[in-house]
C-alpha atoms as a PDB file:
ATOM      1  CA  MET A   1      28.370  30.560   6.321  1.00  0.00           C
ATOM      2  CA  SER A   2      28.120  29.595   1.972  1.00  0.00           C
ATOM      3  CA  ASP A   3      26.587  27.179   0.506  1.00  0.00           C
ATOM      4  CA  ALA A   4      27.502  23.493  -0.234  1.00  0.00           C
ATOM      5  CA  ILE A   5      24.336  22.338  -2.390  1.00  0.00           C
ATOM      6  CA  THR A   6      22.914  24.585  -4.413  1.00  0.00           C
ATOM      7  CA  ALA A   7      19.887  23.366  -7.406  1.00  0.00           C
ATOM      8  CA  GLU A   8      18.209  25.803  -9.831  1.00  0.00           C
ATOM      9  CA  GLY A   9      15.363  25.235 -12.072  1.00  0.00           C
ATOM     10  CA  LEU A  10      15.960  21.567 -12.099  1.00  0.00           C
ATOM     11  CA  VAL A  11      14.352  19.378 -14.771  1.00  0.00           C
ATOM     12  CA  LYS A  12      14.759  16.420 -15.280  1.00  0.00           C
ATOM     13  CA  ARG A  13      12.019  14.313 -17.580  1.00  0.00           C
ATOM     14  CA  TYR A  14      10.726  10.169 -18.919  1.00  0.00           C
ATOM     15  CA  GLY A  15       9.297  10.693 -21.807  1.00  0.00           C
ATOM     16  CA  GLU A  16       5.373  12.179 -20.822  1.00  0.00           C
ATOM     17  CA  VAL A  17       7.036  11.977 -16.626  1.00  0.00           C
ATOM     18  CA  THR A  18       8.793  14.728 -15.653  1.00  0.00           C
ATOM     19  CA  ALA A  19      10.259  14.351 -12.244  1.00  0.00           C
ATOM     20  CA  LEU A  20      11.935  17.359 -11.940  1.00  0.00           C
ATOM     21  CA  ASP A  21       9.953  20.133 -12.495  1.00  0.00           C
ATOM     22  CA  GLY A  22      12.002  23.353 -11.895  1.00  0.00           C
ATOM     23  CA  LEU A  23      13.546  22.485  -8.928  1.00  0.00           C
ATOM     24  CA  SER A  24      15.390  24.545  -7.002  1.00  0.00           C
ATOM     25  CA  PHE A  25      16.641  25.376  -3.131  1.00  0.00           C
ATOM     26  CA  SER A  26      20.422  25.709  -1.765  1.00  0.00           C
ATOM     27  CA  VAL A  27      21.789  23.648   1.397  1.00  0.00           C
ATOM     28  CA  PRO A  28      24.217  26.048   3.830  1.00  0.00           C
ATOM     29  CA  GLU A  29      27.976  24.142   4.681  1.00  0.00           C
ATOM     30  CA  GLY A  30      26.961  22.059   7.646  1.00  0.00           C
ATOM     31  CA  THR A  31      23.417  21.582   7.988  1.00  0.00           C
ATOM     32  CA  VAL A  32      20.995  19.290   7.358  1.00  0.00           C
ATOM     33  CA  LEU A  33      17.935  19.809   4.448  1.00  0.00           C
ATOM     34  CA  ALA A  34      15.286  17.058   4.401  1.00  0.00           C
ATOM     35  CA  LEU A  35      13.546  16.510   1.468  1.00  0.00           C
ATOM     36  CA  LEU A  36      10.524  15.223   2.545  1.00  0.00           C
ATOM     37  CA  GLY A  37       7.515  14.238  -0.181  1.00  0.00           C
ATOM     38  CA  PRO A  38       5.258  10.989  -1.533  1.00  0.00           C
ATOM     39  CA  ASN A  39       6.404   8.886  -3.442  1.00  0.00           C
ATOM     40  CA  GLY A  40       6.553   9.972  -6.933  1.00  0.00           C
ATOM     41  CA  ALA A  41       7.624  13.610  -5.564  1.00  0.00           C
ATOM     42  CA  GLY A  42      10.899  13.324  -7.483  1.00  0.00           C
ATOM     43  CA  LYS A  43      12.877  12.852  -4.037  1.00  0.00           C
ATOM     44  CA  THR A  44      15.442   9.628  -5.064  1.00  0.00           C
ATOM     45  CA  THR A  45      16.192  11.497  -8.737  1.00  0.00           C
ATOM     46  CA  THR A  46      16.936  14.654  -7.182  1.00  0.00           C
ATOM     47  CA  VAL A  47      19.779  12.557  -5.422  1.00  0.00           C
ATOM     48  CA  ARG A  48      20.611  11.022  -7.988  1.00  0.00           C
ATOM     49  CA  VAL A  49      21.175  14.583 -10.420  1.00  0.00           C
ATOM     50  CA  LEU A  50      23.209  15.938  -7.282  1.00  0.00           C
ATOM     51  CA  THR A  51      25.691  13.056  -7.296  1.00  0.00           C
ATOM     52  CA  THR A  52      26.130  12.938 -11.184  1.00  0.00           C
ATOM     53  CA  LEU A  53      24.739   9.328 -11.503  1.00  0.00           C
ATOM     54  CA  LEU A  54      21.754  11.139 -13.774  1.00  0.00           C
ATOM     55  CA  PRO A  55      22.263  14.131 -15.985  1.00  0.00           C
ATOM     56  CA  PRO A  56      19.805  17.129 -15.700  1.00  0.00           C
ATOM     57  CA  ASP A  57      17.382  17.926 -18.829  1.00  0.00           C
ATOM     58  CA  GLY A  58      17.253  21.614 -17.271  1.00  0.00           C
ATOM     59  CA  GLY A  59      18.964  23.916 -15.230  1.00  0.00           C
ATOM     60  CA  ARG A  60      22.113  23.636 -12.930  1.00  0.00           C
ATOM     61  CA  ALA A  61      23.609  22.361  -9.941  1.00  0.00           C
ATOM     62  CA  THR A  62      26.424  22.455  -7.824  1.00  0.00           C
ATOM     63  CA  VAL A  63      27.787  20.767  -5.253  1.00  0.00           C
ATOM     64  CA  ALA A  64      31.118  21.243  -2.744  1.00  0.00           C
ATOM     65  CA  GLY A  65      31.619  24.177  -5.352  1.00  0.00           C
ATOM     66  CA  PHE A  66      31.465  21.687  -8.266  1.00  0.00           C
ATOM     67  CA  ASP A  67      28.781  21.525 -10.834  1.00  0.00           C
ATOM     68  CA  VAL A  68      27.048  18.309 -11.376  1.00  0.00           C
ATOM     69  CA  ALA A  69      27.541  18.325 -15.158  1.00  0.00           C
ATOM     70  CA  GLY A  70      30.415  19.960 -16.101  1.00  0.00           C
ATOM     71  CA  GLN A  71      33.117  18.518 -13.459  1.00  0.00           C
ATOM     72  CA  ALA A  72      31.289  15.148 -12.173  1.00  0.00           C
ATOM     73  CA  ARG A  73      34.486  13.129 -11.850  1.00  0.00           C
ATOM     74  CA  ARG A  74      35.880  15.481  -9.830  1.00  0.00           C
ATOM     75  CA  LEU A  75      32.965  16.162  -8.003  1.00  0.00           C
ATOM     76  CA  ARG A  76      32.674  12.794  -7.098  1.00  0.00           C
ATOM     77  CA  ALA A  77      35.543  12.547  -4.339  1.00  0.00           C
ATOM     78  CA  ARG A  78      34.210  14.997  -2.579  1.00  0.00           C
ATOM     79  CA  ILE A  79      30.341  13.390  -1.442  1.00  0.00           C
ATOM     80  CA  GLY A  80      29.585  10.545  -0.107  1.00  0.00           C
ATOM     81  CA  LEU A  81      26.084   8.428  -1.026  1.00  0.00           C
ATOM     82  CA  SER A  82      24.413   5.948   0.283  1.00  0.00           C
ATOM     83  CA  GLY A  83      21.189   4.619  -1.252  1.00  0.00           C
ATOM     84  CA  GLN A  84      18.183   3.343  -0.326  1.00  0.00           C
ATOM     85  CA  TYR A  85      19.231  -0.009   0.180  1.00  0.00           C
ATOM     86  CA  ALA A  86      22.911  -0.894   1.217  1.00  0.00           C
ATOM     87  CA  ALA A  87      25.299  -1.008  -1.429  1.00  0.00           C
ATOM     88  CA  VAL A  88      27.551  -3.795  -0.319  1.00  0.00           C
ATOM     89  CA  ASP A  89      28.964  -7.406  -1.957  1.00  0.00           C
ATOM     90  CA  GLU A  90      27.300  -9.841   0.765  1.00  0.00           C
ATOM     91  CA  HIS A  91      30.725 -12.080  -0.283  1.00  0.00           C
ATOM     92  CA  LEU A  92      33.317  -9.819   1.346  1.00  0.00           C
ATOM     93  CA  THR A  93      33.658  -9.161   4.943  1.00  0.00           C
ATOM     94  CA  GLY A  94      32.657  -5.333   6.096  1.00  0.00           C
ATOM     95  CA  ALA A  95      36.455  -4.591   6.878  1.00  0.00           C
ATOM     96  CA  GLU A  96      37.174  -5.853   2.743  1.00  0.00           C
ATOM     97  CA  ASN A  97      34.120  -3.716   1.779  1.00  0.00           C
ATOM     98  CA  LEU A  98      35.584  -0.183   3.133  1.00  0.00           C
ATOM     99  CA  GLU A  99      38.481  -0.979   2.004  1.00  0.00           C
ATOM    100  CA  MET A 100      37.737  -1.767  -1.481  1.00  0.00           C
ATOM    101  CA  VAL A 101      35.607   1.446  -0.715  1.00  0.00           C
ATOM    102  CA  GLY A 102      38.842   2.942   0.037  1.00  0.00           C
ATOM    103  CA  ARG A 103      40.971   1.854  -2.987  1.00  0.00           C
ATOM    104  CA  LEU A 104      38.175   2.946  -5.631  1.00  0.00           C
ATOM    105  CA  TYR A 105      38.897   6.664  -3.410  1.00  0.00           C
ATOM    106  CA  HIS A 106      42.389   5.888  -4.819  1.00  0.00           C
ATOM    107  CA  LEU A 107      43.205   6.353  -1.140  1.00  0.00           C
ATOM    108  CA  GLY A 108      46.200   3.472  -1.770  1.00  0.00           C
ATOM    109  CA  ALA A 109      46.465   0.075  -0.252  1.00  0.00           C
ATOM    110  CA  LYS A 110      47.179   1.385   3.367  1.00  0.00           C
ATOM    111  CA  ARG A 111      45.471   4.275   4.245  1.00  0.00           C
ATOM    112  CA  SER A 112      42.376   2.378   2.666  1.00  0.00           C
ATOM    113  CA  LYS A 113      42.747  -0.459   5.633  1.00  0.00           C
ATOM    114  CA  ALA A 114      43.574   2.089   8.495  1.00  0.00           C
ATOM    115  CA  ARG A 115      39.964   4.285   7.729  1.00  0.00           C
ATOM    116  CA  ALA A 116      38.403   0.794   6.998  1.00  0.00           C
ATOM    117  CA  ARG A 117      39.248   0.323  10.344  1.00  0.00           C
ATOM    118  CA  GLU A 118      38.186   3.984  12.203  1.00  0.00           C
ATOM    119  CA  LEU A 119      35.103   3.516  10.710  1.00  0.00           C
ATOM    120  CA  LEU A 120      34.074  -0.252  12.059  1.00  0.00           C
ATOM    121  CA  GLU A 121      35.194   1.543  15.194  1.00  0.00           C
ATOM    122  CA  ARG A 122      32.972   4.471  14.637  1.00  0.00           C
ATOM    123  CA  PHE A 123      29.833   2.192  13.897  1.00  0.00           C
ATOM    124  CA  ASP A 124      30.152  -0.477  16.262  1.00  0.00           C
ATOM    125  CA  LEU A 125      31.184  -2.720  13.970  1.00  0.00           C
ATOM    126  CA  THR A 126      34.702  -4.284  14.871  1.00  0.00           C
ATOM    127  CA  ASP A 127      33.368  -7.371  16.596  1.00  0.00           C
ATOM    128  CA  ALA A 128      31.933  -8.142  12.647  1.00  0.00           C
ATOM    129  CA  ALA A 129      34.464  -6.814  11.035  1.00  0.00           C
ATOM    130  CA  ASP A 130      36.095 -10.371   9.494  1.00  0.00           C
ATOM    131  CA  ARG A 131      32.890 -11.749   9.337  1.00  0.00           C
ATOM    132  CA  PRO A 132      31.576 -11.981   5.520  1.00  0.00           C
ATOM    133  CA  VAL A 133      27.975  -9.463   5.268  1.00  0.00           C
ATOM    134  CA  LYS A 134      25.544 -11.968   4.341  1.00  0.00           C
ATOM    135  CA  GLY A 135      25.530 -12.869   7.830  1.00  0.00           C
ATOM    136  CA  TYR A 136      24.695  -9.440   8.555  1.00  0.00           C
ATOM    137  CA  SER A 137      21.199  -8.025  10.481  1.00  0.00           C
ATOM    138  CA  GLY A 138      19.978  -5.266   8.577  1.00  0.00           C
ATOM    139  CA  GLY A 139      21.052  -2.707  11.067  1.00  0.00           C
ATOM    140  CA  MET A 140      24.207  -3.587  10.714  1.00  0.00           C
ATOM    141  CA  ARG A 141      24.294  -3.592   6.835  1.00  0.00           C
ATOM    142  CA  ARG A 142      22.997   0.051   7.055  1.00  0.00           C
ATOM    143  CA  ARG A 143      25.963   1.179   9.424  1.00  0.00           C
ATOM    144  CA  ILE A 144      27.968  -0.655   6.890  1.00  0.00           C
ATOM    145  CA  ASP A 145      26.572   0.979   3.895  1.00  0.00           C
ATOM    146  CA  LEU A 146      26.828   4.384   5.818  1.00  0.00           C
ATOM    147  CA  ALA A 147      30.212   3.673   6.520  1.00  0.00           C
ATOM    148  CA  GLY A 148      31.288   3.305   3.028  1.00  0.00           C
ATOM    149  CA  ALA A 149      30.039   6.385   2.138  1.00  0.00           C
ATOM    150  CA  LEU A 150      32.589   8.247   5.198  1.00  0.00           C
ATOM    151  CA  VAL A 151      35.954   6.653   3.619  1.00  0.00           C
ATOM    152  CA  ALA A 152      36.473   9.490   1.633  1.00  0.00           C
ATOM    153  CA  ASP A 153      35.673  11.853   4.930  1.00  0.00           C
ATOM    154  CA  PRO A 154      33.678  14.014   2.291  1.00  0.00           C
ATOM    155  CA  PRO A 155      32.104  17.298   2.929  1.00  0.00           C
ATOM    156  CA  VAL A 156      28.521  16.425   1.643  1.00  0.00           C
ATOM    157  CA  LEU A 157      26.737  13.329   2.506  1.00  0.00           C
ATOM    158  CA  PHE A 158      23.651  12.025   0.866  1.00  0.00           C
ATOM    159  CA  LEU A 159      21.563   9.428   2.623  1.00  0.00           C
ATOM    160  CA  ASP A 160      18.289   8.495   0.759  1.00  0.00           C
ATOM    161  CA  GLU A 161      15.878   7.313   2.875  1.00  0.00           C
ATOM    162  CA  PRO A 162      18.550   5.476   5.767  1.00  0.00           C
ATOM    163  CA  SER A 163      16.029   4.511   7.568  1.00  0.00           C
ATOM    164  CA  THR A 164      14.497   2.001   4.916  1.00  0.00           C
ATOM    165  CA  GLY A 165      13.801  -1.988   6.484  1.00  0.00           C
ATOM    166  CA  LEU A 166      14.834  -1.077   9.932  1.00  0.00           C
ATOM    167  CA  ASP A 167      13.263  -1.382  13.218  1.00  0.00           C
ATOM    168  CA  PRO A 168      12.540   0.728  15.737  1.00  0.00           C
ATOM    169  CA  ARG A 169      16.372   0.211  18.452  1.00  0.00           C
ATOM    170  CA  ALA A 170      18.407   0.140  14.684  1.00  0.00           C
ATOM    171  CA  ARG A 171      16.443   3.780  13.580  1.00  0.00           C
ATOM    172  CA  ALA A 172      17.484   5.501  16.858  1.00  0.00           C
ATOM    173  CA  GLY A 173      20.662   4.102  16.793  1.00  0.00           C
ATOM    174  CA  LEU A 174      21.269   5.703  12.903  1.00  0.00           C
ATOM    175  CA  TRP A 175      19.756   8.815  13.949  1.00  0.00           C
ATOM    176  CA  ASP A 176      22.683   9.455  16.536  1.00  0.00           C
ATOM    177  CA  THR A 177      25.292   8.241  14.491  1.00  0.00           C
ATOM    178  CA  ILE A 178      23.950  10.899  11.699  1.00  0.00           C
ATOM    179  CA  SER A 179      23.624  13.454  14.250  1.00  0.00           C
ATOM    180  CA  GLU A 180      27.813  13.176  15.078  1.00  0.00           C
ATOM    181  CA  ILE A 181      28.353  13.095  11.636  1.00  0.00           C
ATOM    182  CA  VAL A 182      26.534  16.400  11.247  1.00  0.00           C
ATOM    183  CA  ALA A 183      28.216  17.651  14.470  1.00  0.00           C
ATOM    184  CA  ALA A 184      31.577  16.611  12.951  1.00  0.00           C
ATOM    185  CA  GLY A 185      30.859  19.499  10.445  1.00  0.00           C
ATOM    186  CA  SER A 186      29.278  17.400   7.545  1.00  0.00           C
ATOM    187  CA  THR A 187      26.509  18.783   4.900  1.00  0.00           C
ATOM    188  CA  LEU A 188      23.616  16.740   4.769  1.00  0.00           C
ATOM    189  CA  LEU A 189      20.855  16.277   2.120  1.00  0.00           C
ATOM    190  CA  LEU A 190      18.679  13.580   3.568  1.00  0.00           C
ATOM    191  CA  THR A 191      15.513  12.321   2.028  1.00  0.00           C
ATOM    192  CA  THR A 192      12.885  10.822   3.793  1.00  0.00           C
ATOM    193  CA  GLN A 193       9.259   9.510   3.908  1.00  0.00           C
ATOM    194  CA  TYR A 194       8.815   9.675   7.998  1.00  0.00           C
ATOM    195  CA  MET A 195       7.900  12.458   9.995  1.00  0.00           C
ATOM    196  CA  GLU A 196       9.744  11.843  12.550  1.00  0.00           C
ATOM    197  CA  GLU A 197      13.323  11.718  10.938  1.00  0.00           C
ATOM    198  CA  ALA A 198      12.426  14.897   9.181  1.00  0.00           C
ATOM    199  CA  ASP A 199      11.770  16.449  12.556  1.00  0.00           C
ATOM    200  CA  HIS A 200      14.723  14.829  14.395  1.00  0.00           C
ATOM    201  CA  LEU A 201      17.413  15.443  12.377  1.00  0.00           C
ATOM    202  CA  ALA A 202      17.349  18.376   9.791  1.00  0.00           C
ATOM    203  CA  ASP A 203      17.490  21.863  10.772  1.00  0.00           C
ATOM    204  CA  GLN A 204      15.470  22.772   7.373  1.00  0.00           C
ATOM    205  CA  ILE A 205      12.778  20.827   5.742  1.00  0.00           C
ATOM    206  CA  MET A 206      11.796  20.989   2.297  1.00  0.00           C
ATOM    207  CA  VAL A 207       8.346  19.622   1.239  1.00  0.00           C
ATOM    208  CA  VAL A 208       8.272  17.934  -2.514  1.00  0.00           C
ATOM    209  CA  ASP A 209       5.893  17.025  -4.710  1.00  0.00           C
ATOM    210  CA  HIS A 210       5.408  16.577  -7.755  1.00  0.00           C
ATOM    211  CA  GLY A 211       9.402  17.417  -9.476  1.00  0.00           C
ATOM    212  CA  ARG A 212       8.207  20.784  -7.305  1.00  0.00           C
ATOM    213  CA  ALA A 213       9.148  22.346  -3.501  1.00  0.00           C
ATOM    214  CA  ILE A 214       5.980  23.449  -2.595  1.00  0.00           C
ATOM    215  CA  ALA A 215       7.183  24.315   1.142  1.00  0.00           C
ATOM    216  CA  ARG A 216       9.881  24.966   2.791  1.00  0.00           C
ATOM    217  CA  GLY A 217      11.458  25.790   6.952  1.00  0.00           C
ATOM    218  CA  THR A 218      12.504  24.248  10.113  1.00  0.00           C
ATOM    219  CA  ALA A 219       9.366  21.480  11.743  1.00  0.00           C
ATOM    220  CA  ASP A 220       8.264  24.684  13.470  1.00  0.00           C
ATOM    221  CA  GLU A 221       8.166  26.546  10.548  1.00  0.00           C
ATOM    222  CA  LEU A 222       5.954  24.761   8.661  1.00  0.00           C
ATOM    223  CA  LYS A 223       3.622  23.795  11.619  1.00  0.00           C
ATOM    224  CA  ASP A 224       3.242  27.287  11.849  1.00  0.00           C
ATOM    225  CA  GLN A 225       1.916  27.627   8.532  1.00  0.00           C
ATOM    226  CA  VAL A 226      -1.127  24.959   9.224  1.00  0.00           C
ATOM    227  CA  GLY A 227      -1.732  26.939  12.858  1.00  0.00           C
ATOM    228  CA  GLY A 228      -3.883  25.683  14.901  1.00  0.00           C
ATOM    229  CA  ASN A 229      -4.377  23.271  17.868  1.00  0.00           C
ATOM    230  CA  ARG A 230      -6.378  20.332  16.791  1.00  0.00           C
ATOM    231  CA  ILE A 231      -8.513  18.323  19.090  1.00  0.00           C
ATOM    232  CA  GLU A 232      -7.707  14.623  19.107  1.00  0.00           C
ATOM    233  CA  LEU A 233     -10.189  12.004  20.583  1.00  0.00           C
ATOM    234  CA  THR A 234     -11.097   8.416  20.576  1.00  0.00           C
ATOM    235  CA  VAL A 235     -14.440   6.647  21.242  1.00  0.00           C
ATOM    236  CA  THR A 236     -15.425   3.911  21.804  1.00  0.00           C
ATOM    237  CA  SER A 237     -17.140   2.529  19.073  1.00  0.00           C
ATOM    238  CA  ALA A 238     -17.505   2.672  15.076  1.00  0.00           C
ATOM    239  CA  ALA A 239     -20.853   4.039  14.864  1.00  0.00           C
ATOM    240  CA  GLU A 240     -20.232   6.303  17.818  1.00  0.00           C
ATOM    241  CA  LEU A 241     -17.624   7.561  15.176  1.00  0.00           C
ATOM    242  CA  GLU A 242     -19.048   8.983  13.022  1.00  0.00           C
ATOM    243  CA  THR A 243     -21.753  10.736  14.690  1.00  0.00           C
ATOM    244  CA  ALA A 244     -18.584  12.481  16.324  1.00  0.00           C
ATOM    245  CA  ARG A 245     -17.337  13.063  12.874  1.00  0.00           C
ATOM    246  CA  GLN A 246     -20.534  14.616  11.856  1.00  0.00           C
ATOM    247  CA  MET A 247     -20.853  16.807  15.478  1.00  0.00           C
ATOM    248  CA  LEU A 248     -17.406  18.439  15.124  1.00  0.00           C
ATOM    249  CA  ALA A 249     -17.859  19.434  12.012  1.00  0.00           C
ATOM    250  CA  TRP A 250     -19.221  22.456  13.322  1.00  0.00           C
ATOM    251  CA  PHE A 251     -16.024  23.347  15.092  1.00  0.00           C
ATOM    252  CA  ALA A 252     -13.456  22.164  12.236  1.00  0.00           C
ATOM    253  CA  VAL A 253     -11.586  25.229  10.577  1.00  0.00           C
ATOM    254  CA  GLY A 254      -9.775  22.143   8.457  1.00  0.00           C
ATOM    255  CA  THR A 255      -9.945  18.985   7.205  1.00  0.00           C
ATOM    256  CA  ILE A 256     -11.115  16.090   9.688  1.00  0.00           C
ATOM    257  CA  ARG A 257      -9.269  12.437   9.630  1.00  0.00           C
ATOM    258  CA  THR A 258     -10.318  10.152  11.020  1.00  0.00           C
ATOM    259  CA  VAL A 259      -8.715   6.221  11.953  1.00  0.00           C
ATOM    260  CA  PRO A 260     -11.675   3.629  12.127  1.00  0.00           C
ATOM    261  CA  GLU A 261      -8.987   1.090  13.502  1.00  0.00           C
ATOM    262  CA  SER A 262      -8.262   2.954  16.566  1.00  0.00           C
ATOM    263  CA  LEU A 263     -11.590   5.507  16.995  1.00  0.00           C
ATOM    264  CA  GLN A 264      -9.581   8.274  16.857  1.00  0.00           C
ATOM    265  CA  ILE A 265     -11.337  11.813  15.479  1.00  0.00           C
ATOM    266  CA  THR A 266      -8.849  14.460  15.103  1.00  0.00           C
ATOM    267  CA  VAL A 267     -10.648  18.167  14.133  1.00  0.00           C
ATOM    268  CA  PRO A 268      -8.288  20.978  13.796  1.00  0.00           C
ATOM    269  CA  VAL A 269      -9.888  23.868  15.566  1.00  0.00           C
ATOM    270  CA  THR A 270      -9.375  27.534  16.432  1.00  0.00           C
ATOM    271  CA  ASP A 271      -9.680  28.312  19.776  1.00  0.00           C
ATOM    272  CA  GLY A 272      -8.481  25.264  21.229  1.00  0.00           C
ATOM    273  CA  PRO A 273      -9.850  24.935  25.142  1.00  0.00           C
ATOM    274  CA  GLU A 274     -13.612  26.945  24.327  1.00  0.00           C
ATOM    275  CA  ALA A 275     -13.505  24.496  21.223  1.00  0.00           C
ATOM    276  CA  LEU A 276     -12.360  21.337  23.404  1.00  0.00           C
ATOM    277  CA  ARG A 277     -15.219  21.938  26.631  1.00  0.00           C
ATOM    278  CA  GLN A 278     -17.882  22.950  23.609  1.00  0.00           C
ATOM    279  CA  ALA A 279     -17.631  19.623  21.802  1.00  0.00           C
ATOM    280  CA  LEU A 280     -17.119  17.387  24.477  1.00  0.00           C
ATOM    281  CA  GLY A 281     -19.990  18.971  26.078  1.00  0.00           C
ATOM    282  CA  GLN A 282     -21.875  18.137  23.311  1.00  0.00           C
ATOM    283  CA  LEU A 283     -20.859  15.139  22.256  1.00  0.00           C
ATOM    284  CA  ALA A 284     -22.319  14.157  25.903  1.00  0.00           C
ATOM    285  CA  GLU A 285     -25.428  15.317  25.243  1.00  0.00           C
ATOM    286  CA  ALA A 286     -25.365  13.325  21.999  1.00  0.00           C
ATOM    287  CA  GLY A 287     -24.414  10.106  24.118  1.00  0.00           C
ATOM    288  CA  VAL A 288     -21.504   9.982  22.910  1.00  0.00           C
ATOM    289  CA  ARG A 289     -19.059   8.046  25.220  1.00  0.00           C
ATOM    290  CA  VAL A 290     -15.456   9.664  24.860  1.00  0.00           C
ATOM    291  CA  ARG A 291     -12.546   7.212  26.624  1.00  0.00           C
ATOM    292  CA  ASP A 292      -9.940  10.260  25.728  1.00  0.00           C
ATOM    293  CA  ALA A 293      -9.357  13.554  24.530  1.00  0.00           C
ATOM    294  CA  GLY A 294      -7.017  16.666  24.507  1.00  0.00           C
ATOM    295  CA  LEU A 295      -5.592  19.225  22.474  1.00  0.00           C
ATOM    296  CA  ARG A 296      -2.289  19.117  20.126  1.00  0.00           C
ATOM    297  CA  ARG A 297       0.057  21.162  18.652  1.00  0.00           C
ATOM    298  CA  PRO A 298       0.142  20.122  14.927  1.00  0.00           C
ATOM    299  CA  THR A 299       2.336  17.428  13.216  1.00  0.00           C
ATOM    300  CA  LEU A 300       4.499  17.056  10.586  1.00  0.00           C
ATOM    301  CA  ASP A 301       2.091  14.695   9.529  1.00  0.00           C
ATOM    302  CA  ASP A 302      -0.608  17.198   9.439  1.00  0.00           C
ATOM    303  CA  VAL A 303       1.726  19.974   7.608  1.00  0.00           C
ATOM    304  CA  TYR A 304       1.899  16.931   5.176  1.00  0.00           C
ATOM    305  CA  LEU A 305      -1.545  16.270   4.932  1.00  0.00           C
ATOM    306  CA  THR A 306      -2.207  19.646   4.433  1.00  0.00           C
ATOM    307  CA  LEU A 307       0.334  20.449   1.364  1.00  0.00           C
ATOM    308  CA  THR A 308       0.497  17.148  -0.528  1.00  0.00           C
ATOM    309  CA  GLY A 309      -3.955  16.195  -0.060  1.00  0.00           C
ATOM    310  CA  HIS A 310      -2.893  12.902   1.770  1.00  0.00           C
ATOM    311  CA  GLN A 311      -1.501  11.489   4.619  1.00  0.00           C
ATOM    312  CA  ALA A 312       1.994  10.625   4.477  1.00  0.00           C
ATOM    313  CA  SER A 313       3.338   6.348   4.132  1.00  0.00           C
ATOM    314  CA  GLY A 314       5.810   4.509   5.067  1.00  0.00           C
ATOM    315  CA  PRO A 315       9.577   4.150   2.658  1.00  0.00           C
ATOM    316  CA  GLN A 316       8.502   1.838  -0.092  1.00  0.00           C
ATOM    317  CA  HIS A 317      10.395   0.915  -3.603  1.00  0.00           C
ATOM    318  CA  THR A 318      11.560   3.701  -5.766  1.00  0.00           C
ATOM    319  CA  ASP A 319       8.934   5.357  -7.125  1.00  0.00           C
ATOM    320  CA  ASP A 320       7.300   5.426 -10.766  1.00  0.00           C
ATOM    321  CA  ALA A 321       8.747   9.087 -11.932  1.00  0.00           C
ATOM    322  CA  ASP A 322      12.119   8.020 -10.387  1.00  0.00           C
ATOM    323  CA  GLU A 323      12.550   4.538 -11.470  1.00  0.00           C
ATOM    324  CA  LYS A 324      11.330   5.622 -14.857  1.00  0.00           C
ATOM    325  CA  VAL A 325      14.022   8.282 -15.192  1.00  0.00           C
ATOM    326  CA  LEU A 326      16.603   5.844 -14.150  1.00  0.00           C
ATOM    327  CA  GLU A 327      15.750   3.271 -17.091  1.00  0.00           C
ATOM    328  CA  ALA A 328      16.309   6.233 -19.336  1.00  0.00           C
ATOM    329  CA  ALA A 329      20.296   6.112 -18.188  1.00  0.00           C
ATOM    330  CA  ARG A 330      20.850   2.678 -18.395  1.00  0.00           C
END
């Protein structure tokens, strides 16, 4: 299996800000790589460099066999891009938006119209095809934007935080659509801050921080790197939460996480069942009332916290480093 995307030592700077700091990776054909990282990690800059929107300051990258710097014009006909915010004309209908994209790809009027109708049906937008996009819901806008990225049937697709602003139902529907696209043979590079999204969609996950790759593997491989089990329990009052945290520190083999709002505490341990038995016994002797308790494996949230030193947050506006690089390119 050959690689659809390769990046070797990519560097992108804006003044004193280094958005990409020697980033290297590859994506085999027909697979999904999720870039996972906090705001400011360089995820969006990576997408912009690989889609020819920004030139790299150092390193080299190829997509679909074309060099992103030296063969940008030829490359653009081989890729599709859906950014954080739907890039659609609100005053045009859904069909007109897709037909316009087809014309920009030089498909011709007849083929552009036929392709638009195919995609409208595929994304369950046929009933809204002739309505102006300004009347679409957020989920519908996301789907029409993703459809636009597929008009030319590109072999490589880039999705930059595709679930931004969607409710859980719309997000699940979008995930199903993305899975169908990949099953048909497309290669996908996905950026996200949703742990569940990366776990659900990606063949491989790469954690990026400060413009560098700090870990890569399947979801299970990354969880195994963190190792051990987690005691997760809920107490009945804020005072008991602090007492429980102090007592459970004796069992912890990593960072203890507390969530005051839900009175929950998570403790990484070895020998999970025995640690849980002893911990519950000691908490009972101290008069700490436990509402719920159990053992679980590490999650991608645990991986993220361990590798980056802080918890993941939901999608926000473009991170500062990426935004400064974009301004420099304008």
